[in-house]
Amino acid sequence: MTNDETGLAPLGLCVVANVAQVTAHGTGGGELHSGLRHFAPGAKVWVAPPRWDPWDPGVTVVGRHRGNHRRYIAVVVQRRFLEDLRVRGIYSPALLAKLGGGWNARAAEEFTRFWGSPRLETRVEIDGRPHWAPPVLDPPPPEMEYEGAVYHLTGFDAGHARYSAQPPPWLRPRQA
């Protein structure tokens, strides 16, 4: 694989995305912003390989800051603010160093295929404490199975779905 313009072979592979034009913040996604604080809408960012929980909604991205287009910065952003995920070659040694290395080709393809469709980060309440769970499609299903137990949807907003082991009131057996 070579770059058609320069004929150079890539130094590594990376998942590339664009920052969403409009991002929803705040309770229920009521605050709309143009792009992100550090990146303009539509800005190209390179997604670093996950270094922690793969279900965590935050991912490290590297890109050129909104105010300084010369140097790369690394920032953790919510995955839901990224769109148009694709796999591309890395040709810049500075970018490769900032990313901390490239992606494995298979892992990059799987990440792109899985996260390329709209998904909601998922929190499951276990023993009264919230835990991250695998993301669900948007809109979320009324029930999901996680670690051998069935959980019921309790609510969702612009970026998150919440599930509980307690069934909703209309599914609970009536008390006599």
N, C-alpha and C. Protein backbone atom coordinates (compact mmCIF):
# COMPACT_ATOMS: atom_id res chain seq x y z
N MET A 1 0.85 -1.18 0.00
CA MET A 1 0.00 0.00 0.00
C MET A 1 0.90 1.24 0.00
N THR A 2 0.74 2.10 -0.94
CA THR A 2 1.53 3.32 -1.01
C THR A 2 0.62 4.52 -1.19
N ASN A 3 1.15 5.67 -0.84
CA ASN A 3 0.44 6.91 -1.04
C ASN A 3 0.55 7.25 -2.51
N ASP A 4 -0.55 7.42 -3.21
CA ASP A 4 -0.54 7.68 -4.65
C ASP A 4 0.21 8.95 -5.01
N GLU A 5 0.15 9.97 -4.14
CA GLU A 5 0.78 11.25 -4.46
C GLU A 5 2.30 11.19 -4.32
N THR A 6 2.79 10.54 -3.25
CA THR A 6 4.23 10.56 -2.99
C THR A 6 4.92 9.24 -3.31
N GLY A 7 4.17 8.15 -3.40
CA GLY A 7 4.76 6.85 -3.65
C GLY A 7 5.38 6.24 -2.40
N LEU A 8 5.19 6.85 -1.23
CA LEU A 8 5.76 6.35 0.01
C LEU A 8 4.86 5.28 0.63
N ALA A 9 5.49 4.33 1.30
CA ALA A 9 4.73 3.32 2.05
C ALA A 9 4.36 3.91 3.40
N PRO A 10 3.18 3.58 3.94
CA PRO A 10 2.78 4.14 5.24
C PRO A 10 3.66 3.60 6.36
N LEU A 11 3.80 4.38 7.41
CA LEU A 11 4.56 3.97 8.59
C LEU A 11 3.72 3.07 9.48
N GLY A 12 2.41 3.15 9.34
CA GLY A 12 1.49 2.35 10.13
C GLY A 12 0.06 2.63 9.68
N LEU A 13 -0.89 1.96 10.33
CA LEU A 13 -2.32 2.17 10.03
C LEU A 13 -2.99 2.84 11.21
N CYS A 14 -4.07 3.54 10.92
CA CYS A 14 -4.81 4.24 11.97
C CYS A 14 -6.27 4.36 11.59
N VAL A 15 -7.13 4.44 12.60
CA VAL A 15 -8.53 4.76 12.38
C VAL A 15 -8.61 6.28 12.33
N VAL A 16 -9.23 6.79 11.27
CA VAL A 16 -9.37 8.23 11.07
C VAL A 16 -10.86 8.56 11.13
N ALA A 17 -11.19 9.72 11.69
CA ALA A 17 -12.59 10.16 11.79
C ALA A 17 -12.66 11.66 11.60
N ASN A 18 -13.87 12.15 11.48
CA ASN A 18 -14.11 13.59 11.43
C ASN A 18 -14.94 13.97 12.65
N VAL A 19 -14.67 15.16 13.18
CA VAL A 19 -15.46 15.67 14.30
C VAL A 19 -16.84 16.04 13.77
N ALA A 20 -17.88 15.66 14.51
CA ALA A 20 -19.26 15.94 14.09
C ALA A 20 -19.48 17.44 13.95
N GLN A 21 -20.33 17.82 12.99
CA GLN A 21 -20.63 19.24 12.77
C GLN A 21 -21.30 19.86 13.98
N VAL A 22 -22.26 19.14 14.56
CA VAL A 22 -22.98 19.62 15.75
C VAL A 22 -22.84 18.56 16.83
N THR A 23 -22.45 18.99 18.03
CA THR A 23 -22.30 18.05 19.14
C THR A 23 -23.25 18.46 20.26
N ALA A 24 -23.90 17.46 20.87
CA ALA A 24 -24.87 17.70 21.94
C ALA A 24 -24.21 17.49 23.29
N HIS A 25 -24.35 18.47 24.18
CA HIS A 25 -23.76 18.42 25.51
C HIS A 25 -24.84 18.71 26.54
N GLY A 26 -24.50 18.52 27.81
CA GLY A 26 -25.42 18.87 28.89
C GLY A 26 -26.47 17.80 29.14
N THR A 27 -27.31 18.05 30.10
CA THR A 27 -28.36 17.11 30.48
C THR A 27 -29.33 16.92 29.33
N GLY A 28 -29.47 15.68 28.90
CA GLY A 28 -30.40 15.37 27.82
C GLY A 28 -29.94 15.85 26.46
N GLY A 29 -28.70 16.32 26.34
CA GLY A 29 -28.19 16.77 25.05
C GLY A 29 -28.79 18.09 24.59
N GLY A 30 -29.21 18.94 25.55
CA GLY A 30 -29.90 20.18 25.21
C GLY A 30 -29.00 21.30 24.71
N GLU A 31 -27.69 21.24 25.02
CA GLU A 31 -26.77 22.28 24.56
C GLU A 31 -26.10 21.83 23.27
N LEU A 32 -26.27 22.56 22.21
CA LEU A 32 -25.66 22.20 20.93
C LEU A 32 -24.47 23.11 20.66
N HIS A 33 -23.37 22.49 20.24
CA HIS A 33 -22.15 23.22 19.94
C HIS A 33 -21.69 22.91 18.53
N SER A 34 -20.93 23.81 17.95
CA SER A 34 -20.33 23.61 16.63
C SER A 34 -18.97 22.96 16.82
N GLY A 35 -18.87 21.65 16.54
CA GLY A 35 -17.62 20.94 16.75
C GLY A 35 -17.34 20.74 18.23
N LEU A 36 -16.05 20.71 18.58
CA LEU A 36 -15.63 20.52 19.96
C LEU A 36 -14.75 21.68 20.40
N ARG A 37 -14.47 21.75 21.67
CA ARG A 37 -13.66 22.84 22.20
C ARG A 37 -12.30 22.92 21.50
N HIS A 38 -11.67 21.78 21.28
CA HIS A 38 -10.33 21.76 20.71
C HIS A 38 -10.30 21.57 19.19
N PHE A 39 -11.40 21.07 18.62
CA PHE A 39 -11.41 20.76 17.19
C PHE A 39 -12.61 21.41 16.50
N ALA A 40 -12.37 21.96 15.33
CA ALA A 40 -13.44 22.58 14.54
C ALA A 40 -14.36 21.50 13.98
N PRO A 41 -15.60 21.84 13.62
CA PRO A 41 -16.49 20.85 13.03
C PRO A 41 -15.89 20.33 11.72
N GLY A 42 -15.95 19.01 11.53
CA GLY A 42 -15.41 18.39 10.33
C GLY A 42 -13.92 18.15 10.37
N ALA A 43 -13.23 18.56 11.45
CA ALA A 43 -11.78 18.39 11.54
C ALA A 43 -11.42 16.91 11.48
N LYS A 44 -10.34 16.61 10.78
CA LYS A 44 -9.85 15.23 10.68
C LYS A 44 -9.04 14.92 11.93
N VAL A 45 -9.37 13.80 12.59
CA VAL A 45 -8.62 13.36 13.76
C VAL A 45 -8.25 11.89 13.59
N TRP A 46 -7.14 11.51 14.20
CA TRP A 46 -6.66 10.14 14.15
C TRP A 46 -6.92 9.54 15.52
N VAL A 47 -7.57 8.38 15.55
CA VAL A 47 -7.96 7.72 16.80
C VAL A 47 -6.82 6.81 17.24
N ALA A 48 -6.32 7.02 18.46
CA ALA A 48 -5.26 6.18 19.01
C ALA A 48 -5.85 4.82 19.38
N PRO A 49 -5.04 3.75 19.30
CA PRO A 49 -5.55 2.44 19.71
C PRO A 49 -6.00 2.48 21.17
N PRO A 50 -7.11 1.81 21.51
CA PRO A 50 -7.62 1.83 22.89
C PRO A 50 -6.58 1.27 23.86
N ARG A 51 -6.39 1.97 24.97
CA ARG A 51 -5.43 1.53 25.97
C ARG A 51 -6.11 1.13 27.28
N TRP A 52 -7.42 1.27 27.34
CA TRP A 52 -8.17 0.87 28.52
C TRP A 52 -9.42 0.16 28.06
N ASP A 53 -10.45 0.16 28.88
CA ASP A 53 -11.69 -0.56 28.61
C ASP A 53 -12.25 -0.21 27.23
N PRO A 54 -12.43 -1.23 26.34
CA PRO A 54 -12.93 -0.92 25.00
C PRO A 54 -14.36 -0.39 24.98
N TRP A 55 -15.11 -0.54 26.07
CA TRP A 55 -16.49 -0.03 26.11
C TRP A 55 -16.55 1.37 26.66
N ASP A 56 -15.44 1.89 27.16
CA ASP A 56 -15.42 3.25 27.68
C ASP A 56 -15.75 4.21 26.54
N PRO A 57 -16.63 5.19 26.76
CA PRO A 57 -17.03 6.08 25.67
C PRO A 57 -15.94 7.07 25.25
N GLY A 58 -14.91 7.24 26.06
CA GLY A 58 -13.84 8.17 25.71
C GLY A 58 -12.74 7.50 24.92
N VAL A 59 -12.28 8.15 23.86
CA VAL A 59 -11.15 7.65 23.07
C VAL A 59 -10.14 8.79 22.91
N THR A 60 -8.88 8.41 22.82
CA THR A 60 -7.84 9.40 22.59
C THR A 60 -7.74 9.67 21.11
N VAL A 61 -7.79 10.93 20.73
CA VAL A 61 -7.63 11.32 19.33
C VAL A 61 -6.49 12.32 19.23
N VAL A 62 -5.86 12.33 18.07
CA VAL A 62 -4.79 13.26 17.78
C VAL A 62 -5.21 14.08 16.56
N GLY A 63 -5.03 15.38 16.66
CA GLY A 63 -5.39 16.24 15.54
C GLY A 63 -4.75 17.60 15.70
N ARG A 64 -5.07 18.49 14.79
CA ARG A 64 -4.54 19.85 14.85
C ARG A 64 -5.58 20.74 15.54
N HIS A 65 -5.12 21.46 16.55
CA HIS A 65 -6.00 22.29 17.38
C HIS A 65 -6.69 23.37 16.55
N ARG A 66 -7.87 23.72 16.97
CA ARG A 66 -8.68 24.76 16.34
C ARG A 66 -7.91 26.07 16.16
N GLY A 67 -7.07 26.43 17.13
CA GLY A 67 -6.38 27.70 17.09
C GLY A 67 -4.95 27.63 16.59
N ASN A 68 -4.35 26.44 16.55
CA ASN A 68 -2.97 26.29 16.12
C ASN A 68 -2.90 25.11 15.17
N HIS A 69 -2.78 25.36 13.90
CA HIS A 69 -2.84 24.29 12.91
C HIS A 69 -1.48 23.67 12.61
N ARG A 70 -0.45 24.03 13.39
CA ARG A 70 0.88 23.50 13.09
C ARG A 70 1.20 22.24 13.87
N ARG A 71 0.85 22.20 15.16
CA ARG A 71 1.26 21.06 15.98
C ARG A 71 0.08 20.15 16.28
N TYR A 72 0.40 18.88 16.47
CA TYR A 72 -0.62 17.90 16.85
C TYR A 72 -0.85 17.95 18.35
N ILE A 73 -2.11 17.75 18.75
CA ILE A 73 -2.46 17.61 20.16
C ILE A 73 -3.21 16.30 20.35
N ALA A 74 -3.08 15.72 21.53
CA ALA A 74 -3.82 14.50 21.87
C ALA A 74 -4.84 14.86 22.94
N VAL A 75 -6.10 14.48 22.71
CA VAL A 75 -7.20 14.81 23.61
C VAL A 75 -8.12 13.60 23.70
N VAL A 76 -8.72 13.38 24.86
CA VAL A 76 -9.73 12.33 25.01
C VAL A 76 -11.09 12.97 24.70
N VAL A 77 -11.82 12.39 23.74
CA VAL A 77 -13.14 12.89 23.38
C VAL A 77 -14.14 11.74 23.45
N GLN A 78 -15.41 12.09 23.52
CA GLN A 78 -16.46 11.07 23.49
C GLN A 78 -16.57 10.50 22.09
N ARG A 79 -16.65 9.21 21.99
CA ARG A 79 -16.72 8.53 20.70
C ARG A 79 -17.93 9.01 19.89
N ARG A 80 -19.01 9.41 20.56
CA ARG A 80 -20.22 9.83 19.85
C ARG A 80 -20.03 11.13 19.08
N PHE A 81 -18.95 11.86 19.35
CA PHE A 81 -18.68 13.11 18.63
C PHE A 81 -17.88 12.88 17.35
N LEU A 82 -17.60 11.63 17.02
CA LEU A 82 -16.83 11.30 15.81
C LEU A 82 -17.74 10.66 14.78
N GLU A 83 -17.49 10.96 13.51
CA GLU A 83 -18.28 10.38 12.43
C GLU A 83 -17.37 10.01 11.27
N ASP A 84 -17.89 9.21 10.35
CA ASP A 84 -17.17 8.81 9.15
C ASP A 84 -15.85 8.12 9.49
N LEU A 85 -15.91 7.09 10.34
CA LEU A 85 -14.71 6.33 10.70
C LEU A 85 -14.21 5.53 9.51
N ARG A 86 -12.89 5.51 9.32
CA ARG A 86 -12.28 4.75 8.23
C ARG A 86 -10.84 4.44 8.60
N VAL A 87 -10.24 3.49 7.91
CA VAL A 87 -8.85 3.10 8.16
C VAL A 87 -7.98 3.73 7.09
N ARG A 88 -6.91 4.39 7.52
CA ARG A 88 -5.99 5.05 6.59
C ARG A 88 -4.55 4.83 7.06
N GLY A 89 -3.61 5.04 6.15
CA GLY A 89 -2.19 4.93 6.47
C GLY A 89 -1.69 6.18 7.18
N ILE A 90 -0.64 6.01 7.98
CA ILE A 90 0.03 7.13 8.65
C ILE A 90 1.34 7.37 7.91
N TYR A 91 1.55 8.59 7.46
CA TYR A 91 2.76 8.93 6.70
C TYR A 91 3.65 9.91 7.44
N SER A 92 3.21 10.45 8.56
CA SER A 92 3.98 11.44 9.31
C SER A 92 4.60 10.80 10.55
N PRO A 93 5.94 10.86 10.69
CA PRO A 93 6.57 10.33 11.90
C PRO A 93 6.10 11.05 13.16
N ALA A 94 5.85 12.37 13.07
CA ALA A 94 5.38 13.13 14.23
C ALA A 94 4.00 12.64 14.67
N LEU A 95 3.11 12.37 13.73
CA LEU A 95 1.77 11.86 14.04
C LEU A 95 1.87 10.47 14.67
N LEU A 96 2.69 9.61 14.09
CA LEU A 96 2.85 8.26 14.63
C LEU A 96 3.36 8.31 16.06
N ALA A 97 4.31 9.20 16.35
CA ALA A 97 4.85 9.34 17.70
C ALA A 97 3.77 9.85 18.66
N LYS A 98 2.98 10.81 18.23
CA LYS A 98 1.93 11.37 19.10
C LYS A 98 0.86 10.32 19.41
N LEU A 99 0.57 9.44 18.43
CA LEU A 99 -0.42 8.37 18.63
C LEU A 99 0.12 7.28 19.55
N GLY A 100 1.43 7.20 19.68
CA GLY A 100 2.03 6.13 20.49
C GLY A 100 2.07 4.82 19.74
N GLY A 101 2.03 4.86 18.41
CA GLY A 101 2.06 3.65 17.59
C GLY A 101 0.80 3.52 16.77
N GLY A 102 0.87 2.69 15.76
CA GLY A 102 -0.27 2.48 14.88
C GLY A 102 -1.16 1.34 15.33
N TRP A 103 -2.17 1.07 14.53
CA TRP A 103 -3.14 0.02 14.80
C TRP A 103 -2.73 -1.27 14.11
N ASN A 104 -3.17 -2.38 14.65
CA ASN A 104 -3.15 -3.66 13.96
C ASN A 104 -4.25 -3.58 12.91
N ALA A 105 -4.00 -4.05 11.68
CA ALA A 105 -4.97 -3.89 10.58
C ALA A 105 -6.33 -4.51 10.93
N ARG A 106 -6.33 -5.70 11.50
CA ARG A 106 -7.59 -6.37 11.82
C ARG A 106 -8.36 -5.61 12.91
N ALA A 107 -7.66 -5.16 13.93
CA ALA A 107 -8.30 -4.42 15.02
C ALA A 107 -8.88 -3.11 14.51
N ALA A 108 -8.17 -2.44 13.62
CA ALA A 108 -8.66 -1.17 13.06
C ALA A 108 -9.94 -1.40 12.26
N GLU A 109 -9.97 -2.44 11.44
CA GLU A 109 -11.17 -2.76 10.65
C GLU A 109 -12.35 -3.10 11.54
N GLU A 110 -12.12 -3.90 12.59
CA GLU A 110 -13.20 -4.27 13.51
C GLU A 110 -13.73 -3.05 14.26
N PHE A 111 -12.83 -2.19 14.72
CA PHE A 111 -13.23 -0.97 15.42
C PHE A 111 -14.10 -0.10 14.52
N THR A 112 -13.65 0.06 13.28
CA THR A 112 -14.39 0.89 12.32
C THR A 112 -15.75 0.31 12.00
N ARG A 113 -15.80 -0.99 11.80
CA ARG A 113 -17.07 -1.64 11.47
C ARG A 113 -18.05 -1.55 12.64
N PHE A 114 -17.57 -1.80 13.86
CA PHE A 114 -18.44 -1.80 15.04
C PHE A 114 -18.90 -0.39 15.39
N TRP A 115 -17.98 0.57 15.49
CA TRP A 115 -18.32 1.91 15.95
C TRP A 115 -18.79 2.81 14.83
N GLY A 116 -18.77 2.33 13.59
CA GLY A 116 -19.21 3.14 12.46
C GLY A 116 -20.71 3.37 12.41
N SER A 117 -21.49 2.52 13.09
CA SER A 117 -22.94 2.71 13.13
C SER A 117 -23.31 3.45 14.42
N PRO A 118 -24.43 4.18 14.43
CA PRO A 118 -24.78 4.97 15.62
C PRO A 118 -25.01 4.07 16.83
N ARG A 119 -24.33 4.36 17.90
CA ARG A 119 -24.45 3.57 19.13
C ARG A 119 -24.51 4.51 20.32
N LEU A 120 -25.10 4.01 21.39
CA LEU A 120 -25.19 4.75 22.63
C LEU A 120 -24.31 4.07 23.67
N GLU A 121 -23.57 4.88 24.43
CA GLU A 121 -22.83 4.31 25.55
C GLU A 121 -23.85 3.77 26.54
N THR A 122 -23.51 2.68 27.20
CA THR A 122 -24.47 1.99 28.04
C THR A 122 -23.97 1.87 29.47
N ARG A 123 -24.85 2.22 30.41
CA ARG A 123 -24.56 2.06 31.83
C ARG A 123 -25.58 1.08 32.38
N VAL A 124 -25.08 0.07 33.10
CA VAL A 124 -25.94 -0.93 33.73
C VAL A 124 -25.79 -0.79 35.24
N GLU A 125 -26.91 -0.75 35.93
CA GLU A 125 -26.88 -0.63 37.38
C GLU A 125 -26.80 -2.04 37.98
N ILE A 126 -25.67 -2.31 38.64
CA ILE A 126 -25.45 -3.61 39.29
C ILE A 126 -25.20 -3.33 40.77
N ASP A 127 -26.03 -3.89 41.64
CA ASP A 127 -25.94 -3.68 43.08
C ASP A 127 -25.94 -2.19 43.44
N GLY A 128 -26.77 -1.42 42.73
CA GLY A 128 -26.91 0.00 43.02
C GLY A 128 -25.79 0.88 42.49
N ARG A 129 -24.82 0.30 41.79
CA ARG A 129 -23.70 1.09 41.25
C ARG A 129 -23.68 0.97 39.73
N PRO A 130 -23.44 2.07 39.02
CA PRO A 130 -23.40 2.02 37.55
C PRO A 130 -22.09 1.42 37.04
N HIS A 131 -22.19 0.61 35.99
CA HIS A 131 -21.03 0.00 35.34
C HIS A 131 -21.16 0.21 33.84
N TRP A 132 -20.02 0.40 33.17
CA TRP A 132 -20.05 0.48 31.71
C TRP A 132 -20.35 -0.90 31.16
N ALA A 133 -21.13 -0.95 30.11
CA ALA A 133 -21.48 -2.20 29.44
C ALA A 133 -21.28 -1.99 27.94
N PRO A 134 -21.30 -3.06 27.16
CA PRO A 134 -21.17 -2.89 25.71
C PRO A 134 -22.23 -1.94 25.17
N PRO A 135 -21.87 -1.08 24.24
CA PRO A 135 -22.84 -0.12 23.69
C PRO A 135 -23.97 -0.80 22.94
N VAL A 136 -25.08 -0.10 22.86
CA VAL A 136 -26.25 -0.61 22.15
C VAL A 136 -26.55 0.30 20.97
N LEU A 137 -27.31 -0.23 20.01
CA LEU A 137 -27.68 0.56 18.85
C LEU A 137 -28.63 1.68 19.27
N ASP A 138 -28.66 2.71 18.48
CA ASP A 138 -29.56 3.84 18.72
C ASP A 138 -30.71 3.75 17.71
N PRO A 139 -31.97 3.61 18.12
CA PRO A 139 -32.52 3.63 19.46
C PRO A 139 -32.24 2.32 20.21
N PRO A 140 -32.16 2.39 21.55
CA PRO A 140 -31.79 1.21 22.34
C PRO A 140 -32.93 0.20 22.46
N PRO A 141 -32.58 -1.09 22.58
CA PRO A 141 -33.62 -2.11 22.79
C PRO A 141 -34.17 -2.02 24.22
N PRO A 142 -35.42 -2.46 24.44
CA PRO A 142 -36.02 -2.37 25.77
C PRO A 142 -35.34 -3.28 26.80
N GLU A 143 -34.68 -4.35 26.33
CA GLU A 143 -33.96 -5.26 27.23
C GLU A 143 -32.62 -5.61 26.62
N MET A 144 -31.65 -5.89 27.50
CA MET A 144 -30.35 -6.36 27.03
C MET A 144 -29.82 -7.40 28.00
N GLU A 145 -29.01 -8.31 27.49
CA GLU A 145 -28.38 -9.31 28.34
C GLU A 145 -26.93 -8.90 28.53
N TYR A 146 -26.47 -8.94 29.79
CA TYR A 146 -25.10 -8.57 30.11
C TYR A 146 -24.62 -9.45 31.26
N GLU A 147 -23.52 -10.13 31.04
CA GLU A 147 -22.92 -11.03 32.02
C GLU A 147 -23.94 -12.02 32.59
N GLY A 148 -24.76 -12.58 31.70
CA GLY A 148 -25.70 -13.62 32.08
C GLY A 148 -27.00 -13.15 32.72
N ALA A 149 -27.20 -11.88 32.85
CA ALA A 149 -28.43 -11.35 33.46
C ALA A 149 -29.15 -10.47 32.45
N VAL A 150 -30.49 -10.35 32.63
CA VAL A 150 -31.29 -9.50 31.76
C VAL A 150 -31.51 -8.16 32.44
N TYR A 151 -31.29 -7.08 31.69
CA TYR A 151 -31.46 -5.72 32.21
C TYR A 151 -32.50 -5.00 31.38
N HIS A 152 -33.24 -4.09 32.03
CA HIS A 152 -34.34 -3.38 31.40
C HIS A 152 -33.97 -1.90 31.22
N LEU A 153 -34.37 -1.35 30.09
CA LEU A 153 -34.11 0.05 29.78
C LEU A 153 -34.86 0.95 30.77
N THR A 154 -34.12 1.86 31.40
CA THR A 154 -34.76 2.81 32.32
C THR A 154 -34.80 4.22 31.74
N GLY A 155 -33.99 4.47 30.72
CA GLY A 155 -33.99 5.79 30.10
C GLY A 155 -32.82 5.94 29.15
N PHE A 156 -32.92 6.93 28.25
CA PHE A 156 -31.80 7.24 27.36
C PHE A 156 -31.90 8.67 26.90
N ASP A 157 -30.76 9.23 26.49
CA ASP A 157 -30.73 10.60 25.98
C ASP A 157 -29.82 10.62 24.76
N ALA A 158 -29.26 11.76 24.44
CA ALA A 158 -28.49 11.93 23.21
C ALA A 158 -27.29 10.99 23.10
N GLY A 159 -26.72 10.56 24.22
CA GLY A 159 -25.52 9.75 24.11
C GLY A 159 -25.47 8.51 24.97
N HIS A 160 -26.43 8.32 25.86
CA HIS A 160 -26.36 7.22 26.81
C HIS A 160 -27.67 6.47 26.93
N ALA A 161 -27.56 5.18 27.19
CA ALA A 161 -28.71 4.35 27.55
C ALA A 161 -28.45 3.82 28.95
N ARG A 162 -29.48 3.78 29.79
CA ARG A 162 -29.35 3.29 31.15
C ARG A 162 -30.25 2.08 31.35
N TYR A 163 -29.69 1.05 31.96
CA TYR A 163 -30.41 -0.19 32.20
C TYR A 163 -30.33 -0.56 33.67
N SER A 164 -31.36 -1.29 34.15
CA SER A 164 -31.43 -1.74 35.53
C SER A 164 -31.96 -3.17 35.55
N ALA A 165 -31.61 -3.91 36.60
CA ALA A 165 -32.14 -5.27 36.76
C ALA A 165 -33.61 -5.24 37.12
N GLN A 166 -34.08 -4.13 37.70
CA GLN A 166 -35.49 -4.00 38.05
C GLN A 166 -36.32 -3.78 36.78
N PRO A 167 -37.35 -4.58 36.56
CA PRO A 167 -38.21 -4.31 35.39
C PRO A 167 -38.99 -3.02 35.59
N PRO A 168 -39.42 -2.39 34.50
CA PRO A 168 -40.22 -1.17 34.65
C PRO A 168 -41.53 -1.48 35.38
N PRO A 169 -42.14 -0.46 35.98
CA PRO A 169 -43.35 -0.69 36.80
C PRO A 169 -44.46 -1.44 36.07
N TRP A 170 -44.64 -1.21 34.76
CA TRP A 170 -45.73 -1.87 34.06
C TRP A 170 -45.47 -3.35 33.81
N LEU A 171 -44.23 -3.82 34.03
CA LEU A 171 -43.92 -5.25 33.88
C LEU A 171 -43.84 -5.98 35.21
N ARG A 172 -43.83 -5.24 36.32
CA ARG A 172 -43.73 -5.86 37.63
C ARG A 172 -45.05 -6.53 38.00
N PRO A 173 -44.99 -7.66 38.70
CA PRO A 173 -46.25 -8.31 39.13
C PRO A 173 -46.99 -7.42 40.14
N ARG A 174 -48.30 -7.45 40.05
CA ARG A 174 -49.11 -6.62 40.96
C ARG A 174 -49.13 -7.25 42.36
N GLN A 175 -49.08 -6.34 43.33
CA GLN A 175 -49.15 -6.77 44.74
C GLN A 175 -50.61 -6.92 45.13
N ALA A 176 -50.96 -7.99 45.85
CA ALA A 176 -52.34 -8.21 46.28
C ALA A 176 -52.64 -7.57 47.60
